[in-house]
Protein backbone atom coordinates (compact mmCIF):
# COMPACT_ATOMS: atom_id res chain seq x y z
CA MET A 1 189.48 28.18 115.69
CA CYS A 2 189.26 26.02 112.61
CA PHE A 3 189.41 27.44 109.42
CA LYS A 4 188.17 25.94 105.80
CA ARG A 5 190.12 25.74 102.72
CA GLN A 6 188.26 25.04 99.53
CA ILE A 7 189.29 22.46 96.93
CA PRO A 8 187.92 23.53 93.54
CA LYS A 9 184.31 22.61 93.16
CA GLY A 10 182.23 20.29 90.66
CA ASN A 11 184.36 18.29 88.45
CA ALA A 12 187.61 19.84 89.08
CA SER A 13 187.22 18.43 92.55
CA GLU A 14 186.38 15.06 91.34
CA ASP A 15 189.21 15.19 88.98
CA LEU A 16 191.44 16.41 91.62
CA ILE A 17 190.39 13.75 93.96
CA ASP A 18 190.32 10.89 91.61
CA GLY A 19 193.90 11.93 90.50
CA LEU A 20 194.86 11.43 93.96
CA LEU A 21 193.20 8.21 94.75
CA LYS A 22 193.04 6.32 91.43
CA PRO A 23 196.86 5.88 91.11
CA LEU A 24 196.61 4.30 94.62
CA GLY A 25 194.37 1.56 93.22
CA ALA A 26 190.84 3.13 94.03
CA ARG A 27 188.64 1.41 91.61
CA GLN A 28 185.48 3.43 92.40
CA VAL A 29 185.21 6.78 94.31
CA ILE A 30 181.64 7.54 95.26
CA TYR A 31 181.25 11.37 95.73
CA LEU A 32 178.65 12.78 98.39
CA ASP A 33 179.37 16.34 97.83
CA THR A 34 180.15 18.38 94.75
CA GLU A 35 182.61 20.57 96.91
CA TYR A 36 185.17 20.04 99.34
CA TYR A 37 186.60 21.79 102.10
CA CYS A 38 190.34 20.85 103.96
CA SER A 39 191.52 21.37 107.11
CA THR A 40 195.45 21.32 108.13
CA ALA A 41 196.66 18.11 109.07
CA ASN A 42 197.36 19.25 112.68
CA GLU A 43 193.65 20.17 112.82
CA ALA A 44 192.29 16.93 111.59
CA LEU A 45 194.68 15.24 114.52
CA GLU A 46 193.41 17.52 116.94
CA ALA A 47 189.67 16.71 116.11
CA ILE A 48 190.61 13.16 116.01
CA VAL A 49 192.17 13.49 119.73
CA TYR A 50 189.31 15.36 120.76
CA SER A 51 186.94 13.09 119.79
CA LEU A 52 188.24 10.07 121.19
CA LYS A 53 188.57 12.20 124.61
CA THR A 54 184.89 13.26 124.29
CA ILE A 55 183.48 9.84 123.20
CA PRO A 56 185.88 6.67 123.88
CA LEU A 57 186.03 4.16 121.37
CA PRO A 58 183.59 1.57 121.77
CA GLN A 59 184.41 -2.25 122.20
CA TYR A 60 185.12 -4.04 119.21
CA ILE A 61 182.18 -6.79 118.27
CA PRO A 62 182.98 -8.69 115.28
CA GLU A 63 180.07 -8.06 112.44
CA LYS A 64 178.22 -5.94 114.85
CA ARG A 65 180.46 -3.20 115.97
CA ASP A 66 183.53 -3.73 113.52
CA CYS A 67 185.87 -1.91 111.23
CA ASP A 68 183.08 -0.16 109.00
CA ASP A 69 181.54 1.22 112.06
CA PHE A 70 184.77 2.37 113.17
CA SER A 71 185.43 4.47 110.09
CA ILE A 72 181.81 5.89 109.87
CA ARG A 73 182.06 6.88 113.43
CA ALA A 74 185.49 8.61 112.52
CA LYS A 75 184.16 10.45 109.32
CA TYR A 76 180.99 11.65 111.56
CA LEU A 77 183.12 12.94 114.58
CA ILE A 78 185.95 14.59 112.45
CA ASP A 79 183.61 16.27 109.98
CA GLU A 80 181.48 17.28 112.94
CA LYS A 81 184.65 18.87 115.06
CA LEU A 82 186.18 20.51 112.19
CA GLY A 83 183.00 21.74 110.14
CA ILE A 84 184.30 19.74 107.09
CA ASN A 85 183.09 17.28 104.51
CA SER A 86 186.82 15.95 103.50
CA VAL A 87 186.91 12.88 105.41
CA GLY A 88 186.47 9.54 103.41
CA ILE A 89 185.55 6.08 104.09
CA VAL A 90 188.04 3.89 102.44
CA LEU A 91 187.19 -0.06 101.63
CA GLY A 92 190.16 -2.22 100.67
CA ASP A 93 192.07 -5.33 101.10
CA THR A 94 194.56 -5.46 104.08
CA TYR A 95 196.59 -7.64 105.77
CA MET A 96 193.51 -8.25 108.09
CA GLY A 97 191.38 -8.99 105.06
CA TYR A 98 188.82 -6.77 103.50
CA HIS A 99 188.69 -3.87 105.53
CA ALA A 100 187.22 -0.29 106.15
CA TYR A 101 189.45 2.84 107.50
CA ASN A 102 189.81 6.39 106.58
CA VAL A 103 191.46 9.03 104.51
CA ILE A 104 191.36 12.66 105.18
CA LEU A 105 192.08 15.48 102.29
CA THR A 106 194.28 18.19 104.12
CA LYS A 107 196.16 21.25 102.79
CA GLU A 108 198.84 23.32 104.74
CA ASP A 109 197.80 26.61 103.23
CA VAL A 110 195.83 27.69 100.36
CA ASN A 111 198.15 27.72 97.88
CA SER A 112 199.57 24.20 98.56
CA LYS A 113 198.67 20.75 97.08
CA VAL A 114 196.06 18.54 98.77
CA ILE A 115 197.62 15.71 100.61
CA LEU A 116 195.91 12.15 101.36
CA THR A 117 196.60 11.21 105.18
CA PHE A 118 195.09 7.82 105.85
CA PHE A 119 193.71 7.06 109.27
CA GLU A 120 193.48 3.30 111.14
CA PRO A 121 189.84 4.41 113.38
CA GLN A 122 190.57 1.12 115.55
CA THR A 123 194.16 1.79 116.52
CA GLY A 124 194.65 5.51 115.71
CA GLU A 125 197.57 5.20 113.37
CA PHE A 126 198.12 7.84 110.61
CA TRP A 127 200.15 7.57 107.52
CA SER A 128 200.74 8.97 104.17
CA LYS A 129 201.02 7.37 100.84
CA GLU A 130 204.73 7.44 101.04
CA ASP A 131 204.64 5.37 103.98
CA SER A 132 205.48 1.85 104.13
CA MET A 133 202.45 0.89 105.93
CA MET A 134 200.45 1.91 102.49
CA LYS A 135 201.90 -1.62 101.19
CA SER A 136 199.52 -3.36 103.68
CA TYR A 137 196.29 -1.17 102.96
CA LEU A 138 195.06 -1.33 99.36
CA LEU A 139 192.35 1.02 98.20
CA ASP A 140 189.32 -0.36 96.37
CA ILE A 141 186.07 1.76 97.00
CA VAL A 142 186.31 5.45 98.42
CA ILE A 143 183.04 7.21 99.79
CA ILE A 144 183.73 10.83 100.36
């Protein structure tokens, strides 16, 4: 059973999310909602594993089915499985060039701080802002 945890709504949620993403280089954060719900990191991982088993990754086709399509698909599948809206699409520079991937806002319990978990939907890799992989993925625009 998935349970939802709420980040404060309205400007507080935008301020909180901006405070997490902008220090990492996000030039712009586009908000699609005013209230955000977080799962735990384990629930997010379970949702991704479930979605990959249920709907296998499509074949990569440059400019037709590429990174932006994979990140949009991941956002939809994770949001749908967990009933949350705290999965974002990140656009930014990487070692592969300008690229799309995902960020997931998670909390371990109601009183804990929000944690950013980054997800590469084409390879299934996860990392946090403290990981060395973060040096290869620079944020520019985040849609959440």
